[in-house]
């Protein structure tokens, strides 16, 4: 199964497409400096400037570069600081 894994930080969005059957990453990358004019997307070692005024725009930039037919499930890292 190919799982798109997302990890949103305060000004970044890390992502990977992981093949759980083969236990390997098909691809991975990140969007940095979300909310700034200098936002950039790095995918498989190649970096380019992107318009990412917020996390929604950053996610759209990522999704435009993926073959969505490969994605079978989506997961997101959640951190909870409560008791």
PDB file of N, CA and C in Angstrom:
ATOM      1  N   UNK A   1       0.842  -1.176   0.000  1.00  0.00           N
ATOM      2  CA  UNK A   1       0.000   0.000   0.000  1.00  0.00           C
ATOM      3  C   UNK A   1       0.885   1.236   0.000  1.00  0.00           C
ATOM      4  N   UNK A   2       0.553   2.205  -0.819  1.00  0.00           N
ATOM      5  CA  UNK A   2       1.277   3.470  -0.873  1.00  0.00           C
ATOM      6  C   UNK A   2       0.580   4.490   0.013  1.00  0.00           C
ATOM      7  N   UNK A   3       1.296   4.955   1.035  1.00  0.00           N
ATOM      8  CA  UNK A   3       0.739   5.888   2.004  1.00  0.00           C
ATOM      9  C   UNK A   3       1.450   7.229   1.870  1.00  0.00           C
ATOM     10  N   UNK A   4       0.682   8.295   1.674  1.00  0.00           N
ATOM     11  CA  UNK A   4       1.222   9.647   1.696  1.00  0.00           C
ATOM     12  C   UNK A   4       1.243  10.084   3.152  1.00  0.00           C
ATOM     13  N   UNK A   5       2.436  10.296   3.689  1.00  0.00           N
ATOM     14  CA  UNK A   5       2.604  10.673   5.088  1.00  0.00           C
ATOM     15  C   UNK A   5       2.963  12.152   5.148  1.00  0.00           C
ATOM     16  N   UNK A   6       2.236  12.917   5.957  1.00  0.00           N
ATOM     17  CA  UNK A   6       2.447  14.356   6.101  1.00  0.00           C
ATOM     18  C   UNK A   6       2.860  14.676   7.530  1.00  0.00           C
ATOM     19  N   UNK A   7       3.723  15.678   7.666  1.00  0.00           N
ATOM     20  CA  UNK A   7       4.155  16.149   8.980  1.00  0.00           C
ATOM     21  C   UNK A   7       4.263  17.669   8.890  1.00  0.00           C
ATOM     22  N   UNK A   8       3.229  18.357   9.349  1.00  0.00           N
ATOM     23  CA  UNK A   8       3.195  19.819   9.276  1.00  0.00           C
ATOM     24  C   UNK A   8       3.803  20.419  10.531  1.00  0.00           C
ATOM     25  N   UNK A   9       4.763  21.303  10.333  1.00  0.00           N
ATOM     26  CA  UNK A   9       5.344  22.069  11.425  1.00  0.00           C
ATOM     27  C   UNK A   9       4.841  23.496  11.359  1.00  0.00           C
ATOM     28  N   UNK A  10       5.416  24.365  12.154  1.00  0.00           N
ATOM     29  CA  UNK A  10       4.943  25.752  12.193  1.00  0.00           C
ATOM     30  C   UNK A  10       5.193  26.490  10.882  1.00  0.00           C
ATOM     31  N   UNK A  11       6.268  26.176  10.178  1.00  0.00           N
ATOM     32  CA  UNK A  11       6.566  26.848   8.906  1.00  0.00           C
ATOM     33  C   UNK A  11       7.082  25.872   7.853  1.00  0.00           C
ATOM     34  N   UNK A  12       6.763  24.591   8.020  1.00  0.00           N
ATOM     35  CA  UNK A  12       7.215  23.595   7.051  1.00  0.00           C
ATOM     36  C   UNK A  12       6.186  22.485   6.907  1.00  0.00           C
ATOM     37  N   UNK A  13       6.317  21.749   5.821  1.00  0.00           N
ATOM     38  CA  UNK A  13       5.485  20.580   5.572  1.00  0.00           C
ATOM     39  C   UNK A  13       6.389  19.501   4.995  1.00  0.00           C
ATOM     40  N   UNK A  14       6.651  18.475   5.787  1.00  0.00           N
ATOM     41  CA  UNK A  14       7.437  17.339   5.314  1.00  0.00           C
ATOM     42  C   UNK A  14       6.460  16.294   4.793  1.00  0.00           C
ATOM     43  N   UNK A  15       6.900  15.540   3.781  1.00  0.00           N
ATOM     44  CA  UNK A  15       6.017  14.525   3.220  1.00  0.00           C
ATOM     45  C   UNK A  15       6.833  13.381   2.637  1.00  0.00           C
ATOM     46  N   UNK A  16       6.201  12.228   2.581  1.00  0.00           N
ATOM     47  CA  UNK A  16       6.803  11.088   1.895  1.00  0.00           C
ATOM     48  C   UNK A  16       5.686  10.215   1.359  1.00  0.00           C
ATOM     49  N   UNK A  17       5.964   9.549   0.267  1.00  0.00           N
ATOM     50  CA  UNK A  17       5.081   8.517  -0.255  1.00  0.00           C
ATOM     51  C   UNK A  17       5.796   7.210   0.031  1.00  0.00           C
ATOM     52  N   UNK A  18       5.223   6.417   0.920  1.00  0.00           N
ATOM     53  CA  UNK A  18       5.876   5.214   1.414  1.00  0.00           C
ATOM     54  C   UNK A  18       5.130   3.982   0.931  1.00  0.00           C
ATOM     55  N   UNK A  19       5.875   3.047   0.359  1.00  0.00           N
ATOM     56  CA  UNK A  19       5.332   1.753  -0.051  1.00  0.00           C
ATOM     57  C   UNK A  19       5.454   0.827   1.148  1.00  0.00           C
ATOM     58  N   UNK A  20       4.342   0.553   1.816  1.00  0.00           N
ATOM     59  CA  UNK A  20       4.396  -0.253   3.036  1.00  0.00           C
ATOM     60  C   UNK A  20       4.679  -1.721   2.739  1.00  0.00           C
ATOM     61  N   UNK A  21       4.343  -2.186   1.545  1.00  0.00           N
ATOM     62  CA  UNK A  21       4.628  -3.584   1.198  1.00  0.00           C
ATOM     63  C   UNK A  21       6.130  -3.807   1.056  1.00  0.00           C
ATOM     64  N   UNK A  22       6.791  -2.901   0.353  1.00  0.00           N
ATOM     65  CA  UNK A  22       8.239  -3.016   0.127  1.00  0.00           C
ATOM     66  C   UNK A  22       9.040  -2.370   1.254  1.00  0.00           C
ATOM     67  N   UNK A  23       8.360  -1.678   2.164  1.00  0.00           N
ATOM     68  CA  UNK A  23       8.992  -0.975   3.284  1.00  0.00           C
ATOM     69  C   UNK A  23      10.086  -0.018   2.801  1.00  0.00           C
ATOM     70  N   UNK A  24       9.685   0.841   1.848  1.00  0.00           N
ATOM     71  CA  UNK A  24      10.626   1.841   1.332  1.00  0.00           C
ATOM     72  C   UNK A  24       9.863   3.103   0.941  1.00  0.00           C
ATOM     73  N   UNK A  25      10.610   4.200   0.910  1.00  0.00           N
ATOM     74  CA  UNK A  25      10.042   5.470   0.453  1.00  0.00           C
ATOM     75  C   UNK A  25      10.086   5.496  -1.069  1.00  0.00           C
ATOM     76  N   UNK A  26       8.964   5.798  -1.681  1.00  0.00           N
ATOM     77  CA  UNK A  26       8.944   5.994  -3.136  1.00  0.00           C
ATOM     78  C   UNK A  26       9.478   7.383  -3.460  1.00  0.00           C
ATOM     79  N   UNK A  27       9.157   8.342  -2.603  1.00  0.00           N
ATOM     80  CA  UNK A  27       9.696   9.694  -2.724  1.00  0.00           C
ATOM     81  C   UNK A  27       9.496  10.408  -1.409  1.00  0.00           C
ATOM     82  N   UNK A  28      10.257  11.483  -1.217  1.00  0.00           N
ATOM     83  CA  UNK A  28      10.068  12.318  -0.027  1.00  0.00           C
ATOM     84  C   UNK A  28      10.565  13.719  -0.304  1.00  0.00           C
ATOM     85  N   UNK A  29      10.070  14.647   0.513  1.00  0.00           N
ATOM     86  CA  UNK A  29      10.464  16.032   0.335  1.00  0.00           C
ATOM     87  C   UNK A  29       9.890  16.915   1.425  1.00  0.00           C
ATOM     88  N   UNK A  30      10.011  18.228   1.205  1.00  0.00           N
ATOM     89  CA  UNK A  30       9.473  19.176   2.168  1.00  0.00           C
ATOM     90  C   UNK A  30       9.273  20.537   1.536  1.00  0.00           C
ATOM     91  N   UNK A  31       8.345  21.273   2.122  1.00  0.00           N
ATOM     92  CA  UNK A  31       8.155  22.683   1.791  1.00  0.00           C
ATOM     93  C   UNK A  31       8.615  23.451   3.019  1.00  0.00           C
ATOM     94  N   UNK A  32       9.523  24.399   2.812  1.00  0.00           N
ATOM     95  CA  UNK A  32      10.072  25.207   3.906  1.00  0.00           C
ATOM     96  C   UNK A  32       9.666  26.659   3.742  1.00  0.00           C
ATOM     97  N   UNK A  33       9.751  27.391   4.837  1.00  0.00           N
ATOM     98  CA  UNK A  33       9.498  28.836   4.858  1.00  0.00           C
ATOM     99  C   UNK A  33       8.073  29.183   4.433  1.00  0.00           C
ATOM    100  N   UNK A  34       7.128  28.343   4.845  1.00  0.00           N
ATOM    101  CA  UNK A  34       5.723  28.603   4.539  1.00  0.00           C
ATOM    102  C   UNK A  34       5.332  29.940   5.162  1.00  0.00           C
ATOM    103  N   UNK A  35       4.649  30.758   4.378  1.00  0.00           N
ATOM    104  CA  UNK A  35       4.229  32.076   4.843  1.00  0.00           C
ATOM    105  C   UNK A  35       5.192  33.186   4.473  1.00  0.00           C
ATOM    106  N   UNK A  36       6.333  32.826   3.906  1.00  0.00           N
ATOM    107  CA  UNK A  36       7.322  33.818   3.495  1.00  0.00           C
ATOM    108  C   UNK A  36       7.452  33.828   1.976  1.00  0.00           C
ATOM    109  N   UNK A  37       7.951  34.931   1.449  1.00  0.00           N
ATOM    110  CA  UNK A  37       8.151  35.023   0.002  1.00  0.00           C
ATOM    111  C   UNK A  37       9.192  34.028  -0.494  1.00  0.00           C
ATOM    112  N   UNK A  38      10.098  33.607   0.377  1.00  0.00           N
ATOM    113  CA  UNK A  38      11.176  32.699  -0.013  1.00  0.00           C
ATOM    114  C   UNK A  38      10.808  31.227   0.176  1.00  0.00           C
ATOM    115  N   UNK A  39       9.525  30.888   0.190  1.00  0.00           N
ATOM    116  CA  UNK A  39       9.125  29.486   0.357  1.00  0.00           C
ATOM    117  C   UNK A  39       9.742  28.650  -0.755  1.00  0.00           C
ATOM    118  N   UNK A  40      10.120  27.423  -0.385  1.00  0.00           N
ATOM    119  CA  UNK A  40      10.732  26.545  -1.389  1.00  0.00           C
ATOM    120  C   UNK A  40      10.317  25.107  -1.128  1.00  0.00           C
ATOM    121  N   UNK A  41      10.235  24.368  -2.212  1.00  0.00           N
ATOM    122  CA  UNK A  41       9.878  22.963  -2.154  1.00  0.00           C
ATOM    123  C   UNK A  41      11.081  22.144  -2.590  1.00  0.00           C
ATOM    124  N   UNK A  42      11.433  21.159  -1.795  1.00  0.00           N
ATOM    125  CA  UNK A  42      12.502  20.229  -2.146  1.00  0.00           C
ATOM    126  C   UNK A  42      11.871  18.861  -2.318  1.00  0.00           C
ATOM    127  N   UNK A  43      12.089  18.261  -3.481  1.00  0.00           N
ATOM    128  CA  UNK A  43      11.550  16.943  -3.794  1.00  0.00           C
ATOM    129  C   UNK A  43      12.662  16.124  -4.416  1.00  0.00           C
ATOM    130  N   UNK A  44      13.030  15.047  -3.737  1.00  0.00           N
ATOM    131  CA  UNK A  44      14.084  14.165  -4.233  1.00  0.00           C
ATOM    132  C   UNK A  44      15.366  14.933  -4.560  1.00  0.00           C
ATOM    133  N   UNK A  45      15.736  15.869  -3.696  1.00  0.00           N
ATOM    134  CA  UNK A  45      16.995  16.588  -3.836  1.00  0.00           C
ATOM    135  C   UNK A  45      16.961  17.804  -4.740  1.00  0.00           C
ATOM    136  N   UNK A  46      15.847  18.035  -5.425  1.00  0.00           N
ATOM    137  CA  UNK A  46      15.719  19.208  -6.296  1.00  0.00           C
ATOM    138  C   UNK A  46      14.866  20.252  -5.586  1.00  0.00           C
ATOM    139  N   UNK A  47      15.359  21.488  -5.545  1.00  0.00           N
ATOM    140  CA  UNK A  47      14.675  22.567  -4.829  1.00  0.00           C
ATOM    141  C   UNK A  47      14.195  23.621  -5.812  1.00  0.00           C
ATOM    142  N   UNK A  48      12.984  24.121  -5.572  1.00  0.00           N
ATOM    143  CA  UNK A  48      12.434  25.194  -6.400  1.00  0.00           C
ATOM    144  C   UNK A  48      11.610  26.129  -5.528  1.00  0.00           C
ATOM    145  N   UNK A  49      11.502  27.362  -5.963  1.00  0.00           N
ATOM    146  CA  UNK A  49      10.659  28.337  -5.271  1.00  0.00           C
ATOM    147  C   UNK A  49       9.199  27.989  -5.524  1.00  0.00           C
ATOM    148  N   UNK A  50       8.359  28.172  -4.496  1.00  0.00           N
ATOM    149  CA  UNK A  50       6.920  27.943  -4.633  1.00  0.00           C
ATOM    150  C   UNK A  50       6.166  29.049  -3.910  1.00  0.00           C
ATOM    151  N   UNK A  51       4.928  29.260  -4.325  1.00  0.00           N
ATOM    152  CA  UNK A  51       4.046  30.182  -3.612  1.00  0.00           C
ATOM    153  C   UNK A  51       3.365  29.374  -2.516  1.00  0.00           C
ATOM    154  N   UNK A  52       3.699  29.654  -1.269  1.00  0.00           N
ATOM    155  CA  UNK A  52       3.134  28.917  -0.136  1.00  0.00           C
ATOM    156  C   UNK A  52       2.822  29.901   0.985  1.00  0.00           C
ATOM    157  N   UNK A  53       1.756  30.664   0.787  1.00  0.00           N
ATOM    158  CA  UNK A  53       1.366  31.664   1.783  1.00  0.00           C
ATOM    159  C   UNK A  53       0.910  31.017   3.084  1.00  0.00           C
ATOM    160  N   UNK A  54       0.421  29.775   2.983  1.00  0.00           N
ATOM    161  CA  UNK A  54      -0.030  29.046   4.171  1.00  0.00           C
ATOM    162  C   UNK A  54       0.133  27.545   3.910  1.00  0.00           C
ATOM    163  N   UNK A  55      -0.232  26.739   4.901  1.00  0.00           N
ATOM    164  CA  UNK A  55      -0.051  25.293   4.769  1.00  0.00           C
ATOM    165  C   UNK A  55      -0.941  24.697   3.675  1.00  0.00           C
ATOM    166  N   UNK A  56      -2.123  25.256   3.474  1.00  0.00           N
ATOM    167  CA  UNK A  56      -3.005  24.761   2.417  1.00  0.00           C
ATOM    168  C   UNK A  56      -2.357  24.949   1.049  1.00  0.00           C
ATOM    169  N   UNK A  57      -1.745  26.105   0.824  1.00  0.00           N
ATOM    170  CA  UNK A  57      -1.062  26.364  -0.443  1.00  0.00           C
ATOM    171  C   UNK A  57       0.161  25.460  -0.591  1.00  0.00           C
ATOM    172  N   UNK A  58       0.862  25.211   0.501  1.00  0.00           N
ATOM    173  CA  UNK A  58       2.020  24.312   0.462  1.00  0.00           C
ATOM    174  C   UNK A  58       1.583  22.903   0.085  1.00  0.00           C
ATOM    175  N   UNK A  59       0.489  22.431   0.670  1.00  0.00           N
ATOM    176  CA  UNK A  59      -0.011  21.099   0.344  1.00  0.00           C
ATOM    177  C   UNK A  59      -0.429  21.022  -1.117  1.00  0.00           C
ATOM    178  N   UNK A  60      -1.073  22.053  -1.625  1.00  0.00           N
ATOM    179  CA  UNK A  60      -1.453  22.068  -3.038  1.00  0.00           C
ATOM    180  C   UNK A  60      -0.222  21.987  -3.938  1.00  0.00           C
ATOM    181  N   UNK A  61       0.850  22.683  -3.566  1.00  0.00           N
ATOM    182  CA  UNK A  61       2.093  22.623  -4.344  1.00  0.00           C
ATOM    183  C   UNK A  61       2.642  21.200  -4.364  1.00  0.00           C
ATOM    184  N   UNK A  62       2.557  20.515  -3.240  1.00  0.00           N
ATOM    185  CA  UNK A  62       3.017  19.122  -3.165  1.00  0.00           C
ATOM    186  C   UNK A  62       2.138  18.231  -4.036  1.00  0.00           C
ATOM    187  N   UNK A  63       0.827  18.347  -3.876  1.00  0.00           N
ATOM    188  CA  UNK A  63      -0.096  17.467  -4.593  1.00  0.00           C
ATOM    189  C   UNK A  63       0.000  17.623  -6.101  1.00  0.00           C
ATOM    190  N   UNK A  64       0.307  18.829  -6.577  1.00  0.00           N
ATOM    191  CA  UNK A  64       0.467  19.050  -8.020  1.00  0.00           C
ATOM    192  C   UNK A  64       1.662  18.282  -8.581  1.00  0.00           C
ATOM    193  N   UNK A  65       2.598  17.910  -7.733  1.00  0.00           N
ATOM    194  CA  UNK A  65       3.806  17.233  -8.188  1.00  0.00           C
ATOM    195  C   UNK A  65       3.760  15.715  -7.988  1.00  0.00           C
ATOM    196  N   UNK A  66       2.681  15.222  -7.417  1.00  0.00           N
ATOM    197  CA  UNK A  66       2.549  13.789  -7.165  1.00  0.00           C
ATOM    198  C   UNK A  66       1.622  13.137  -8.181  1.00  0.00           C
ATOM    199  N   UNK A  67       1.854  11.866  -8.440  1.00  0.00           N
ATOM    200  CA  UNK A  67       0.906  11.060  -9.202  1.00  0.00           C
ATOM    201  C   UNK A  67      -0.116  10.551  -8.192  1.00  0.00           C
ATOM    202  N   UNK A  68      -1.244  11.216  -8.099  1.00  0.00           N
ATOM    203  CA  UNK A  68      -2.228  10.902  -7.065  1.00  0.00           C
ATOM    204  C   UNK A  68      -2.841   9.519  -7.239  1.00  0.00           C
ATOM    205  N   UNK A  69      -2.734   8.935  -8.431  1.00  0.00           N
ATOM    206  CA  UNK A  69      -3.223   7.571  -8.628  1.00  0.00           C
ATOM    207  C   UNK A  69      -2.430   6.564  -7.806  1.00  0.00           C
ATOM    208  N   UNK A  70      -1.213   6.921  -7.407  1.00  0.00           N
ATOM    209  CA  UNK A  70      -0.390   6.029  -6.591  1.00  0.00           C
ATOM    210  C   UNK A  70      -0.785   6.047  -5.116  1.00  0.00           C
ATOM    211  N   UNK A  71      -1.447   7.113  -4.669  1.00  0.00           N
ATOM    212  CA  UNK A  71      -1.759   7.285  -3.245  1.00  0.00           C
ATOM    213  C   UNK A  71      -2.981   6.444  -2.883  1.00  0.00           C
ATOM    214  N   UNK A  72      -2.794   5.521  -1.920  1.00  0.00           N
ATOM    215  CA  UNK A  72      -3.886   4.656  -1.477  1.00  0.00           C
ATOM    216  C   UNK A  72      -4.412   5.048  -0.096  1.00  0.00           C
ATOM    217  N   UNK A  73      -3.606   5.768   0.668  1.00  0.00           N
ATOM    218  CA  UNK A  73      -4.009   6.211   2.003  1.00  0.00           C
ATOM    219  C   UNK A  73      -3.173   7.428   2.369  1.00  0.00           C
ATOM    220  N   UNK A  74      -3.675   8.200   3.334  1.00  0.00           N
ATOM    221  CA  UNK A  74      -2.966   9.391   3.800  1.00  0.00           C
ATOM    222  C   UNK A  74      -2.891   9.336   5.322  1.00  0.00           C
ATOM    223  N   UNK A  75      -1.716   9.675   5.851  1.00  0.00           N
ATOM    224  CA  UNK A  75      -1.539   9.756   7.294  1.00  0.00           C
ATOM    225  C   UNK A  75      -0.893  11.075   7.654  1.00  0.00           C
ATOM    226  N   UNK A  76      -1.157  11.543   8.868  1.00  0.00           N
ATOM    227  CA  UNK A  76      -0.564  12.792   9.328  1.00  0.00           C
ATOM    228  C   UNK A  76      -0.051  12.594  10.737  1.00  0.00           C
ATOM    229  N   UNK A  77       1.137  13.084  10.986  1.00  0.00           N
ATOM    230  CA  UNK A  77       1.716  13.008  12.326  1.00  0.00           C
ATOM    231  C   UNK A  77       1.015  14.029  13.215  1.00  0.00           C
ATOM    232  N   UNK A  78       0.558  13.578  14.361  1.00  0.00           N
ATOM    233  CA  UNK A  78      -0.118  14.450  15.318  1.00  0.00           C
ATOM    234  C   UNK A  78       0.612  14.366  16.647  1.00  0.00           C
ATOM    235  N   UNK A  79       0.915  15.519  17.225  1.00  0.00           N
ATOM    236  CA  UNK A  79       1.548  15.573  18.539  1.00  0.00           C
ATOM    237  C   UNK A  79       0.560  16.223  19.492  1.00  0.00           C
ATOM    238  N   UNK A  80       0.328  15.589  20.615  1.00  0.00           N
ATOM    239  CA  UNK A  80      -0.602  16.117  21.611  1.00  0.00           C
ATOM    240  C   UNK A  80       0.161  16.357  22.898  1.00  0.00           C
ATOM    241  N   UNK A  81       0.126  17.560  23.395  1.00  0.00           N
ATOM    242  CA  UNK A  81       0.902  17.902  24.583  1.00  0.00           C
ATOM    243  C   UNK A  81       0.122  17.878  25.884  1.00  0.00           C
ATOM    244  N   UNK A  82      -1.118  17.406  25.833  1.00  0.00           N
ATOM    245  CA  UNK A  82      -1.956  17.417  27.033  1.00  0.00           C
ATOM    246  C   UNK A  82      -1.677  16.258  27.974  1.00  0.00           C
ATOM    247  N   UNK A  83      -2.291  16.325  29.134  1.00  0.00           N
ATOM    248  CA  UNK A  83      -2.146  15.252  30.131  1.00  0.00           C
ATOM    249  C   UNK A  83      -3.105  14.116  29.869  1.00  0.00           C
TER     250      UNK A  83
END
